[in-house]
Amino acid sequence: VQLVESGGGSVQAGGSLRLSCAASGRTFSNCNIGWFRRTPGKER
């Protein structure tokens, strides 16, 4: 499965963003999808 994220950016507190994860490869409906975040020096 190949995954490509998009939709990030810079916003002010209180704002909104919609992230997308485009998948290609095996049947997508058979996959669990997880979102994780990482900051410097920390685990996902």
PDB file of all heavy atoms in Angstrom:
ATOM      1  N   VAL A   1       0.864  -1.174   0.000  1.00  0.00           N
ATOM      2  CA  VAL A   1       0.000   0.000   0.000  1.00  0.00           C
ATOM      3  C   VAL A   1       0.897   1.219   0.000  1.00  0.00           C
ATOM      4  O   VAL A   1       1.830   1.307   0.792  1.00  0.00           O
ATOM      5  CB  VAL A   1      -0.924   0.033   1.241  1.00  0.00           C
ATOM      6  CG1 VAL A   1      -1.742   1.314   1.244  1.00  0.00           C
ATOM      7  CG2 VAL A   1      -1.830  -1.185   1.257  1.00  0.00           C
ATOM      8  N   GLN A   2       0.623   2.147  -0.886  1.00  0.00           N
ATOM      9  CA  GLN A   2       1.329   3.423  -0.895  1.00  0.00           C
ATOM     10  C   GLN A   2       0.383   4.487  -0.363  1.00  0.00           C
ATOM     11  O   GLN A   2      -0.780   4.553  -0.767  1.00  0.00           O
ATOM     12  CB  GLN A   2       1.780   3.787  -2.316  1.00  0.00           C
ATOM     13  CG  GLN A   2       2.847   2.869  -2.880  1.00  0.00           C
ATOM     14  CD  GLN A   2       2.285   1.544  -3.372  1.00  0.00           C
ATOM     15  OE1 GLN A   2       1.261   1.494  -4.009  1.00  0.00           O
ATOM     16  NE2 GLN A   2       2.984   0.448  -3.047  1.00  0.00           N
ATOM     17  N   LEU A   3       0.910   5.315   0.539  1.00  0.00           N
ATOM     18  CA  LEU A   3       0.099   6.339   1.189  1.00  0.00           C
ATOM     19  C   LEU A   3       0.729   7.710   0.974  1.00  0.00           C
ATOM     20  O   LEU A   3       1.945   7.858   1.120  1.00  0.00           O
ATOM     21  CB  LEU A   3      -0.016   6.064   2.685  1.00  0.00           C
ATOM     22  CG  LEU A   3      -0.609   4.712   3.093  1.00  0.00           C
ATOM     23  CD1 LEU A   3      -0.471   4.514   4.599  1.00  0.00           C
ATOM     24  CD2 LEU A   3      -2.055   4.603   2.672  1.00  0.00           C
ATOM     25  N   VAL A   4      -0.110   8.687   0.665  1.00  0.00           N
ATOM     26  CA  VAL A   4       0.364  10.057   0.496  1.00  0.00           C
ATOM     27  C   VAL A   4      -0.573  10.984   1.247  1.00  0.00           C
ATOM     28  O   VAL A   4      -1.770  11.039   0.948  1.00  0.00           O
ATOM     29  CB  VAL A   4       0.425  10.463  -0.990  1.00  0.00           C
ATOM     30  CG1 VAL A   4       0.900  11.906  -1.115  1.00  0.00           C
ATOM     31  CG2 VAL A   4       1.349   9.530  -1.764  1.00  0.00           C
ATOM     32  N   GLU A   5      -0.014  11.709   2.220  1.00  0.00           N
ATOM     33  CA  GLU A   5      -0.800  12.651   2.992  1.00  0.00           C
ATOM     34  C   GLU A   5      -0.746  14.043   2.365  1.00  0.00           C
ATOM     35  O   GLU A   5       0.236  14.407   1.709  1.00  0.00           O
ATOM     36  CB  GLU A   5      -0.290  12.756   4.434  1.00  0.00           C
ATOM     37  CG  GLU A   5      -0.298  11.459   5.212  1.00  0.00           C
ATOM     38  CD  GLU A   5       1.033  10.721   5.112  1.00  0.00           C
ATOM     39  OE1 GLU A   5       1.755  10.951   4.125  1.00  0.00           O
ATOM     40  OE2 GLU A   5       1.354   9.925   6.006  1.00  0.00           O
ATOM     41  N   SER A   6      -1.787  14.811   2.600  1.00  0.00           N
ATOM     42  CA  SER A   6      -1.836  16.206   2.151  1.00  0.00           C
ATOM     43  C   SER A   6      -2.792  16.970   3.049  1.00  0.00           C
ATOM     44  O   SER A   6      -3.517  16.370   3.853  1.00  0.00           O
ATOM     45  CB  SER A   6      -2.283  16.292   0.687  1.00  0.00           C
ATOM     46  OG  SER A   6      -3.585  15.764   0.528  1.00  0.00           O
ATOM     47  N   GLY A   7      -2.792  18.281   2.898  1.00  0.00           N
ATOM     48  CA  GLY A   7      -3.744  19.111   3.620  1.00  0.00           C
ATOM     49  C   GLY A   7      -3.184  19.852   4.814  1.00  0.00           C
ATOM     50  O   GLY A   7      -3.903  20.632   5.443  1.00  0.00           O
ATOM     51  N   GLY A   8      -1.929  19.598   5.140  1.00  0.00           N
ATOM     52  CA  GLY A   8      -1.344  20.305   6.260  1.00  0.00           C
ATOM     53  C   GLY A   8      -1.117  21.775   5.938  1.00  0.00           C
ATOM     54  O   GLY A   8      -1.291  22.214   4.801  1.00  0.00           O
ATOM     55  N   GLY A   9      -0.743  22.534   6.941  1.00  0.00           N
ATOM     56  CA  GLY A   9      -0.481  23.957   6.746  1.00  0.00           C
ATOM     57  C   GLY A   9      -0.346  24.664   8.071  1.00  0.00           C
ATOM     58  O   GLY A   9      -0.192  24.025   9.115  1.00  0.00           O
ATOM     59  N   SER A  10      -0.406  25.987   7.998  1.00  0.00           N
ATOM     60  CA  SER A  10      -0.287  26.821   9.181  1.00  0.00           C
ATOM     61  C   SER A  10      -1.614  27.513   9.432  1.00  0.00           C
ATOM     62  O   SER A  10      -2.174  28.134   8.526  1.00  0.00           O
ATOM     63  CB  SER A  10       0.806  27.870   8.982  1.00  0.00           C
ATOM     64  OG  SER A  10       2.067  27.267   8.824  1.00  0.00           O
ATOM     65  N   VAL A  11      -2.102  27.397  10.665  1.00  0.00           N
ATOM     66  CA  VAL A  11      -3.359  28.036  11.045  1.00  0.00           C
ATOM     67  C   VAL A  11      -3.208  28.644  12.421  1.00  0.00           C
ATOM     68  O   VAL A  11      -2.302  28.283  13.183  1.00  0.00           O
ATOM     69  CB  VAL A  11      -4.537  27.032  11.062  1.00  0.00           C
ATOM     70  CG1 VAL A  11      -4.813  26.507   9.667  1.00  0.00           C
ATOM     71  CG2 VAL A  11      -4.281  25.905  12.035  1.00  0.00           C
ATOM     72  N   GLN A  12      -4.118  29.533  12.743  1.00  0.00           N
ATOM     73  CA  GLN A  12      -4.147  30.093  14.087  1.00  0.00           C
ATOM     74  C   GLN A  12      -4.971  29.190  14.995  1.00  0.00           C
ATOM     75  O   GLN A  12      -5.810  28.404  14.534  1.00  0.00           O
ATOM     76  CB  GLN A  12      -4.741  31.492  14.057  1.00  0.00           C
ATOM     77  CG  GLN A  12      -3.841  32.523  13.388  1.00  0.00           C
ATOM     78  CD  GLN A  12      -4.285  33.940  13.648  1.00  0.00           C
ATOM     79  OE1 GLN A  12      -5.480  34.221  13.676  1.00  0.00           O
ATOM     80  NE2 GLN A  12      -3.330  34.840  13.808  1.00  0.00           N
ATOM     81  N   ALA A  13      -4.708  29.303  16.268  1.00  0.00           N
ATOM     82  CA  ALA A  13      -5.463  28.527  17.248  1.00  0.00           C
ATOM     83  C   ALA A  13      -6.958  28.773  17.056  1.00  0.00           C
ATOM     84  O   ALA A  13      -7.387  29.905  16.826  1.00  0.00           O
ATOM     85  CB  ALA A  13      -5.038  28.917  18.657  1.00  0.00           C
ATOM     86  N   GLY A  14      -7.714  27.682  17.157  1.00  0.00           N
ATOM     87  CA  GLY A  14      -9.147  27.765  16.920  1.00  0.00           C
ATOM     88  C   GLY A  14      -9.546  27.448  15.498  1.00  0.00           C
ATOM     89  O   GLY A  14     -10.741  27.246  15.212  1.00  0.00           O
ATOM     90  N   GLY A  15      -8.570  27.398  14.607  1.00  0.00           N
ATOM     91  CA  GLY A  15      -8.855  27.136  13.210  1.00  0.00           C
ATOM     92  C   GLY A  15      -9.035  25.659  12.915  1.00  0.00           C
ATOM     93  O   GLY A  15      -8.998  24.809  13.814  1.00  0.00           O
ATOM     94  N   SER A  16      -9.220  25.367  11.635  1.00  0.00           N
ATOM     95  CA  SER A  16      -9.492  23.997  11.200  1.00  0.00           C
ATOM     96  C   SER A  16      -8.619  23.632  10.007  1.00  0.00           C
ATOM     97  O   SER A  16      -8.237  24.497   9.214  1.00  0.00           O
ATOM     98  CB  SER A  16     -10.961  23.837  10.789  1.00  0.00           C
ATOM     99  OG  SER A  16     -11.834  24.086  11.856  1.00  0.00           O
ATOM    100  N   LEU A  17      -8.337  22.348   9.889  1.00  0.00           N
ATOM    101  CA  LEU A  17      -7.676  21.787   8.727  1.00  0.00           C
ATOM    102  C   LEU A  17      -8.272  20.418   8.458  1.00  0.00           C
ATOM    103  O   LEU A  17      -8.723  19.739   9.386  1.00  0.00           O
ATOM    104  CB  LEU A  17      -6.171  21.631   8.951  1.00  0.00           C
ATOM    105  CG  LEU A  17      -5.297  22.881   8.904  1.00  0.00           C
ATOM    106  CD1 LEU A  17      -3.882  22.537   9.354  1.00  0.00           C
ATOM    107  CD2 LEU A  17      -5.281  23.492   7.524  1.00  0.00           C
ATOM    108  N   ARG A  18      -8.240  20.024   7.196  1.00  0.00           N
ATOM    109  CA  ARG A  18      -8.664  18.679   6.831  1.00  0.00           C
ATOM    110  C   ARG A  18      -7.504  17.975   6.139  1.00  0.00           C
ATOM    111  O   ARG A  18      -7.071  18.382   5.063  1.00  0.00           O
ATOM    112  CB  ARG A  18      -9.862  18.720   5.885  1.00  0.00           C
ATOM    113  CG  ARG A  18     -10.466  17.336   5.621  1.00  0.00           C
ATOM    114  CD  ARG A  18     -11.394  17.390   4.446  1.00  0.00           C
ATOM    115  NE  ARG A  18     -12.277  16.226   4.376  1.00  0.00           N
ATOM    116  CZ  ARG A  18     -12.866  15.816   3.271  1.00  0.00           C
ATOM    117  NH1 ARG A  18     -12.667  16.460   2.131  1.00  0.00           N
ATOM    118  NH2 ARG A  18     -13.660  14.762   3.277  1.00  0.00           N
ATOM    119  N   LEU A  19      -6.999  16.939   6.786  1.00  0.00           N
ATOM    120  CA  LEU A  19      -5.917  16.155   6.222  1.00  0.00           C
ATOM    121  C   LEU A  19      -6.487  15.014   5.384  1.00  0.00           C
ATOM    122  O   LEU A  19      -7.529  14.449   5.721  1.00  0.00           O
ATOM    123  CB  LEU A  19      -5.024  15.597   7.316  1.00  0.00           C
ATOM    124  CG  LEU A  19      -4.457  16.589   8.316  1.00  0.00           C
ATOM    125  CD1 LEU A  19      -3.506  15.873   9.278  1.00  0.00           C
ATOM    126  CD2 LEU A  19      -3.765  17.745   7.624  1.00  0.00           C
ATOM    127  N   SER A  20      -5.778  14.701   4.313  1.00  0.00           N
ATOM    128  CA  SER A  20      -6.174  13.588   3.451  1.00  0.00           C
ATOM    129  C   SER A  20      -5.057  12.569   3.375  1.00  0.00           C
ATOM    130  O   SER A  20      -3.883  12.917   3.462  1.00  0.00           O
ATOM    131  CB  SER A  20      -6.488  14.084   2.034  1.00  0.00           C
ATOM    132  OG  SER A  20      -7.571  14.977   2.032  1.00  0.00           O
ATOM    133  N   CYS A  21      -5.449  11.327   3.197  1.00  0.00           N
ATOM    134  CA  CYS A  21      -4.503  10.225   3.045  1.00  0.00           C
ATOM    135  C   CYS A  21      -4.942   9.432   1.811  1.00  0.00           C
ATOM    136  O   CYS A  21      -5.966   8.743   1.851  1.00  0.00           O
ATOM    137  CB  CYS A  21      -4.511   9.346   4.287  1.00  0.00           C
ATOM    138  SG  CYS A  21      -3.475   7.877   4.195  1.00  0.00           S
ATOM    139  N   ALA A  22      -4.198   9.589   0.722  1.00  0.00           N
ATOM    140  CA  ALA A  22      -4.527   8.903  -0.530  1.00  0.00           C
ATOM    141  C   ALA A  22      -3.792   7.573  -0.575  1.00  0.00           C
ATOM    142  O   ALA A  22      -2.579   7.525  -0.381  1.00  0.00           O
ATOM    143  CB  ALA A  22      -4.132   9.768  -1.715  1.00  0.00           C
ATOM    144  N   ALA A  23      -4.530   6.506  -0.836  1.00  0.00           N
ATOM    145  CA  ALA A  23      -3.952   5.163  -0.830  1.00  0.00           C
ATOM    146  C   ALA A  23      -4.004   4.535  -2.217  1.00  0.00           C
ATOM    147  O   ALA A  23      -4.938   4.758  -2.981  1.00  0.00           O
ATOM    148  CB  ALA A  23      -4.697   4.280   0.162  1.00  0.00           C
ATOM    149  N   SER A  24      -3.005   3.758  -2.524  1.00  0.00           N
ATOM    150  CA  SER A  24      -2.996   2.970  -3.751  1.00  0.00           C
ATOM    151  C   SER A  24      -2.387   1.618  -3.431  1.00  0.00           C
ATOM    152  O   SER A  24      -1.649   1.462  -2.466  1.00  0.00           O
ATOM    153  CB  SER A  24      -2.202   3.660  -4.855  1.00  0.00           C
ATOM    154  OG  SER A  24      -0.866   3.855  -4.467  1.00  0.00           O
ATOM    155  N   GLY A  25      -2.727   0.614  -4.201  1.00  0.00           N
ATOM    156  CA  GLY A  25      -2.199  -0.719  -3.947  1.00  0.00           C
ATOM    157  C   GLY A  25      -3.313  -1.695  -3.623  1.00  0.00           C
ATOM    158  O   GLY A  25      -4.313  -1.755  -4.315  1.00  0.00           O
ATOM    159  N   ARG A  26      -3.163  -2.392  -2.518  1.00  0.00           N
ATOM    160  CA  ARG A  26      -4.129  -3.427  -2.168  1.00  0.00           C
ATOM    161  C   ARG A  26      -5.491  -2.824  -1.840  1.00  0.00           C
ATOM    162  O   ARG A  26      -5.625  -1.630  -1.679  1.00  0.00           O
ATOM    163  CB  ARG A  26      -3.619  -4.259  -0.992  1.00  0.00           C
ATOM    164  CG  ARG A  26      -3.491  -3.498   0.292  1.00  0.00           C
ATOM    165  CD  ARG A  26      -3.050  -4.387   1.432  1.00  0.00           C
ATOM    166  NE  ARG A  26      -4.087  -5.329   1.831  1.00  0.00           N
ATOM    167  CZ  ARG A  26      -3.923  -6.269   2.740  1.00  0.00           C
ATOM    168  NH1 ARG A  26      -2.755  -6.440   3.304  1.00  0.00           N
ATOM    169  NH2 ARG A  26      -4.902  -7.087   3.062  1.00  0.00           N
ATOM    170  N   THR A  27      -6.496  -3.679  -1.708  1.00  0.00           N
ATOM    171  CA  THR A  27      -7.867  -3.230  -1.468  1.00  0.00           C
ATOM    172  C   THR A  27      -7.935  -2.367  -0.214  1.00  0.00           C
ATOM    173  O   THR A  27      -7.694  -2.839   0.896  1.00  0.00           O
ATOM    174  CB  THR A  27      -8.805  -4.424  -1.338  1.00  0.00           C
ATOM    175  OG1 THR A  27      -8.679  -5.246  -2.488  1.00  0.00           O
ATOM    176  CG2 THR A  27     -10.238  -3.948  -1.207  1.00  0.00           C
ATOM    177  N   PHE A  28      -8.257  -1.120  -0.412  1.00  0.00           N
ATOM    178  CA  PHE A  28      -8.232  -0.153   0.677  1.00  0.00           C
ATOM    179  C   PHE A  28      -9.251  -0.470   1.752  1.00  0.00           C
ATOM    180  O   PHE A  28      -8.983  -0.297   2.937  1.00  0.00           O
ATOM    181  CB  PHE A  28      -8.479   1.234   0.085  1.00  0.00           C
ATOM    182  CG  PHE A  28      -8.382   2.351   1.072  1.00  0.00           C
ATOM    183  CD1 PHE A  28      -7.171   2.683   1.640  1.00  0.00           C
ATOM    184  CD2 PHE A  28      -9.496   3.084   1.421  1.00  0.00           C
ATOM    185  CE1 PHE A  28      -7.067   3.727   2.542  1.00  0.00           C
ATOM    186  CE2 PHE A  28      -9.416   4.120   2.322  1.00  0.00           C
ATOM    187  CZ  PHE A  28      -8.196   4.448   2.885  1.00  0.00           C
ATOM    188  N   SER A  29     -10.415  -0.980   1.351  1.00  0.00           N
ATOM    189  CA  SER A  29     -11.469  -1.234   2.336  1.00  0.00           C
ATOM    190  C   SER A  29     -11.068  -2.308   3.333  1.00  0.00           C
ATOM    191  O   SER A  29     -11.664  -2.406   4.411  1.00  0.00           O
ATOM    192  CB  SER A  29     -12.767  -1.636   1.630  1.00  0.00           C
ATOM    193  OG  SER A  29     -12.582  -2.840   0.907  1.00  0.00           O
ATOM    194  N   ASN A  30     -10.062  -3.099   3.014  1.00  0.00           N
ATOM    195  CA  ASN A  30      -9.585  -4.146   3.928  1.00  0.00           C
ATOM    196  C   ASN A  30      -8.530  -3.637   4.904  1.00  0.00           C
ATOM    197  O   ASN A  30      -7.988  -4.426   5.681  1.00  0.00           O
ATOM    198  CB  ASN A  30      -9.000  -5.319   3.141  1.00  0.00           C
ATOM    199  CG  ASN A  30     -10.073  -6.108   2.414  1.00  0.00           C
ATOM    200  OD1 ASN A  30     -11.240  -6.069   2.788  1.00  0.00           O
ATOM    201  ND2 ASN A  30      -9.679  -6.812   1.371  1.00  0.00           N
ATOM    202  N   CYS A  31      -8.223  -2.345   4.855  1.00  0.00           N
ATOM    203  CA  CYS A  31      -7.177  -1.780   5.702  1.00  0.00           C
ATOM    204  C   CYS A  31      -7.737  -0.947   6.839  1.00  0.00           C
ATOM    205  O   CYS A  31      -8.655  -0.144   6.635  1.00  0.00           O
ATOM    206  CB  CYS A  31      -6.243  -0.900   4.874  1.00  0.00           C
ATOM    207  SG  CYS A  31      -5.225  -1.793   3.705  1.00  0.00           S
ATOM    208  N   ASN A  32      -7.183  -1.136   8.029  1.00  0.00           N
ATOM    209  CA  ASN A  32      -7.377  -0.172   9.100  1.00  0.00           C
ATOM    210  C   ASN A  32      -6.520   1.053   8.772  1.00  0.00           C
ATOM    211  O   ASN A  32      -5.393   0.915   8.285  1.00  0.00           O
ATOM    212  CB  ASN A  32      -6.906  -0.740  10.441  1.00  0.00           C
ATOM    213  CG  ASN A  32      -7.566  -2.053  10.768  1.00  0.00           C
ATOM    214  OD1 ASN A  32      -8.774  -2.157  10.836  1.00  0.00           O
ATOM    215  ND2 ASN A  32      -6.749  -3.093  10.960  1.00  0.00           N
ATOM    216  N   ILE A  33      -7.018   2.221   9.070  1.00  0.00           N
ATOM    217  CA  ILE A  33      -6.270   3.459   8.822  1.00  0.00           C
ATOM    218  C   ILE A  33      -6.052   4.166  10.151  1.00  0.00           C
ATOM    219  O   ILE A  33      -6.996   4.332  10.924  1.00  0.00           O
ATOM    220  CB  ILE A  33      -7.028   4.398   7.877  1.00  0.00           C
ATOM    221  CG1 ILE A  33      -7.278   3.702   6.533  1.00  0.00           C
ATOM    222  CG2 ILE A  33      -6.251   5.701   7.677  1.00  0.00           C
ATOM    223  CD1 ILE A  33      -6.026   3.360   5.775  1.00  0.00           C
ATOM    224  N   GLY A  34      -4.815   4.530  10.411  1.00  0.00           N
ATOM    225  CA  GLY A  34      -4.513   5.249  11.638  1.00  0.00           C
ATOM    226  C   GLY A  34      -3.810   6.558  11.342  1.00  0.00           C
ATOM    227  O   GLY A  34      -2.999   6.638  10.413  1.00  0.00           O
ATOM    228  N   TRP A  35      -4.129   7.576  12.113  1.00  0.00           N
ATOM    229  CA  TRP A  35      -3.407   8.851  12.050  1.00  0.00           C
ATOM    230  C   TRP A  35      -2.573   8.980  13.328  1.00  0.00           C
ATOM    231  O   TRP A  35      -3.093   8.774  14.436  1.00  0.00           O
ATOM    232  CB  TRP A  35      -4.368  10.026  11.946  1.00  0.00           C
ATOM    233  CG  TRP A  35      -4.955  10.222  10.589  1.00  0.00           C
ATOM    234  CD1 TRP A  35      -6.165   9.771  10.148  1.00  0.00           C
ATOM    235  CD2 TRP A  35      -4.379  10.933   9.481  1.00  0.00           C
ATOM    236  NE1 TRP A  35      -6.376  10.152   8.837  1.00  0.00           N
ATOM    237  CE2 TRP A  35      -5.284  10.869   8.409  1.00  0.00           C
ATOM    238  CE3 TRP A  35      -3.178  11.629   9.292  1.00  0.00           C
ATOM    239  CZ2 TRP A  35      -5.038  11.456   7.169  1.00  0.00           C
ATOM    240  CZ3 TRP A  35      -2.925  12.206   8.064  1.00  0.00           C
ATOM    241  CH2 TRP A  35      -3.845  12.115   7.010  1.00  0.00           C
ATOM    242  N   PHE A  36      -1.320   9.294  13.144  1.00  0.00           N
ATOM    243  CA  PHE A  36      -0.398   9.519  14.241  1.00  0.00           C
ATOM    244  C   PHE A  36       0.293  10.858  14.007  1.00  0.00           C
ATOM    245  O   PHE A  36       0.325  11.360  12.880  1.00  0.00           O
ATOM    246  CB  PHE A  36       0.660   8.403  14.298  1.00  0.00           C
ATOM    247  CG  PHE A  36       0.109   7.082  14.743  1.00  0.00           C
ATOM    248  CD1 PHE A  36      -0.667   6.307  13.893  1.00  0.00           C
ATOM    249  CD2 PHE A  36       0.358   6.599  16.023  1.00  0.00           C
ATOM    250  CE1 PHE A  36      -1.186   5.092  14.295  1.00  0.00           C
ATOM    251  CE2 PHE A  36      -0.148   5.382  16.441  1.00  0.00           C
ATOM    252  CZ  PHE A  36      -0.929   4.627  15.577  1.00  0.00           C
ATOM    253  N   ARG A  37       0.867  11.409  15.056  1.00  0.00           N
ATOM    254  CA  ARG A  37       1.615  12.658  14.899  1.00  0.00           C
ATOM    255  C   ARG A  37       2.926  12.557  15.648  1.00  0.00           C
ATOM    256  O   ARG A  37       3.063  11.819  16.623  1.00  0.00           O
ATOM    257  CB  ARG A  37       0.802  13.850  15.383  1.00  0.00           C
ATOM    258  CG  ARG A  37       0.413  13.849  16.838  1.00  0.00           C
ATOM    259  CD  ARG A  37      -0.584  14.973  17.108  1.00  0.00           C
ATOM    260  NE  ARG A  37      -0.958  15.047  18.521  1.00  0.00           N
ATOM    261  CZ  ARG A  37      -1.922  15.825  18.984  1.00  0.00           C
ATOM    262  NH1 ARG A  37      -2.618  16.611  18.143  1.00  0.00           N
ATOM    263  NH2 ARG A  37      -2.185  15.841  20.266  1.00  0.00           N
ATOM    264  N   ARG A  38       3.871  13.306  15.119  1.00  0.00           N
ATOM    265  CA  ARG A  38       5.215  13.267  15.679  1.00  0.00           C
ATOM    266  C   ARG A  38       5.744  14.674  15.822  1.00  0.00           C
ATOM    267  O   ARG A  38       5.603  15.497  14.911  1.00  0.00           O
ATOM    268  CB  ARG A  38       6.114  12.439  14.767  1.00  0.00           C
ATOM    269  CG  ARG A  38       7.572  12.427  15.159  1.00  0.00           C
ATOM    270  CD  ARG A  38       8.370  11.593  14.202  1.00  0.00           C
ATOM    271  NE  ARG A  38       8.339  10.184  14.571  1.00  0.00           N
ATOM    272  CZ  ARG A  38       8.757   9.201  13.802  1.00  0.00           C
ATOM    273  NH1 ARG A  38       9.184   9.459  12.586  1.00  0.00           N
ATOM    274  NH2 ARG A  38       8.722   7.964  14.204  1.00  0.00           N
ATOM    275  N   THR A  39       6.370  14.925  16.963  1.00  0.00           N
ATOM    276  CA  THR A  39       7.078  16.180  17.188  1.00  0.00           C
ATOM    277  C   THR A  39       8.528  15.849  17.510  1.00  0.00           C
ATOM    278  O   THR A  39       8.822  14.726  17.957  1.00  0.00           O
ATOM    279  CB  THR A  39       6.438  16.976  18.330  1.00  0.00           C
ATOM    280  OG1 THR A  39       6.347  16.140  19.495  1.00  0.00           O
ATOM    281  CG2 THR A  39       5.046  17.443  17.958  1.00  0.00           C
ATOM    282  N   PRO A  40       9.454  16.789  17.296  1.00  0.00           N
ATOM    283  CA  PRO A  40      10.875  16.499  17.512  1.00  0.00           C
ATOM    284  C   PRO A  40      11.143  15.987  18.920  1.00  0.00           C
ATOM    285  O   PRO A  40      10.645  16.541  19.905  1.00  0.00           O
ATOM    286  CB  PRO A  40      11.558  17.845  17.285  1.00  0.00           C
ATOM    287  CG  PRO A  40      10.647  18.561  16.349  1.00  0.00           C
ATOM    288  CD  PRO A  40       9.254  18.141  16.747  1.00  0.00           C
ATOM    289  N   GLY A  41      11.880  14.901  19.009  1.00  0.00           N
ATOM    290  CA  GLY A  41      12.270  14.349  20.295  1.00  0.00           C
ATOM    291  C   GLY A  41      11.215  13.492  20.953  1.00  0.00           C
ATOM    292  O   GLY A  41      11.437  13.008  22.079  1.00  0.00           O
ATOM    293  N   LYS A  42      10.091  13.280  20.297  1.00  0.00           N
ATOM    294  CA  LYS A  42       9.025  12.477  20.898  1.00  0.00           C
ATOM    295  C   LYS A  42       8.674  11.297  20.007  1.00  0.00           C
ATOM    296  O   LYS A  42       8.890  11.307  18.798  1.00  0.00           O
ATOM    297  CB  LYS A  42       7.773  13.333  21.122  1.00  0.00           C
ATOM    298  CG  LYS A  42       7.923  14.384  22.214  1.00  0.00           C
ATOM    299  CD  LYS A  42       6.585  15.036  22.517  1.00  0.00           C
ATOM    300  CE  LYS A  42       6.704  16.018  23.646  1.00  0.00           C
ATOM    301  NZ  LYS A  42       5.404  16.648  23.977  1.00  0.00           N
ATOM    302  N   GLU A  43       8.097  10.285  20.628  1.00  0.00           N
ATOM    303  CA  GLU A  43       7.606   9.128  19.890  1.00  0.00           C
ATOM    304  C   GLU A  43       6.364   9.526  19.098  1.00  0.00           C
ATOM    305  O   GLU A  43       5.696  10.507  19.412  1.00  0.00           O
ATOM    306  CB  GLU A  43       7.224   8.022  20.879  1.00  0.00           C
ATOM    307  CG  GLU A  43       8.320   7.583  21.820  1.00  0.00           C
ATOM    308  CD  GLU A  43       9.042   6.363  21.283  1.00  0.00           C
ATOM    309  OE1 GLU A  43       8.442   5.629  20.484  1.00  0.00           O
ATOM    310  OE2 GLU A  43      10.207   6.165  21.661  1.00  0.00           O
ATOM    311  N   ARG A  44       6.055   8.705  18.089  1.00  0.00           N
ATOM    312  CA  ARG A  44       4.805   8.908  17.381  1.00  0.00           C
ATOM    313  C   ARG A  44       3.637   8.755  18.349  1.00  0.00           C
ATOM    314  O   ARG A  44       3.582   7.801  19.124  1.00  0.00           O
ATOM    315  CB  ARG A  44       4.669   7.889  16.242  1.00  0.00           C
ATOM    316  CG  ARG A  44       5.129   8.397  14.903  1.00  0.00           C
ATOM    317  CD  ARG A  44       5.017   7.339  13.841  1.00  0.00           C
ATOM    318  NE  ARG A  44       5.854   6.201  14.096  1.00  0.00           N
ATOM    319  CZ  ARG A  44       6.086   5.230  13.222  1.00  0.00           C
ATOM    320  NH1 ARG A  44       5.506   5.287  12.024  1.00  0.00           N
ATOM    321  NH2 ARG A  44       6.853   4.216  13.518  1.00  0.00           N
TER     322      ARG A  44
END
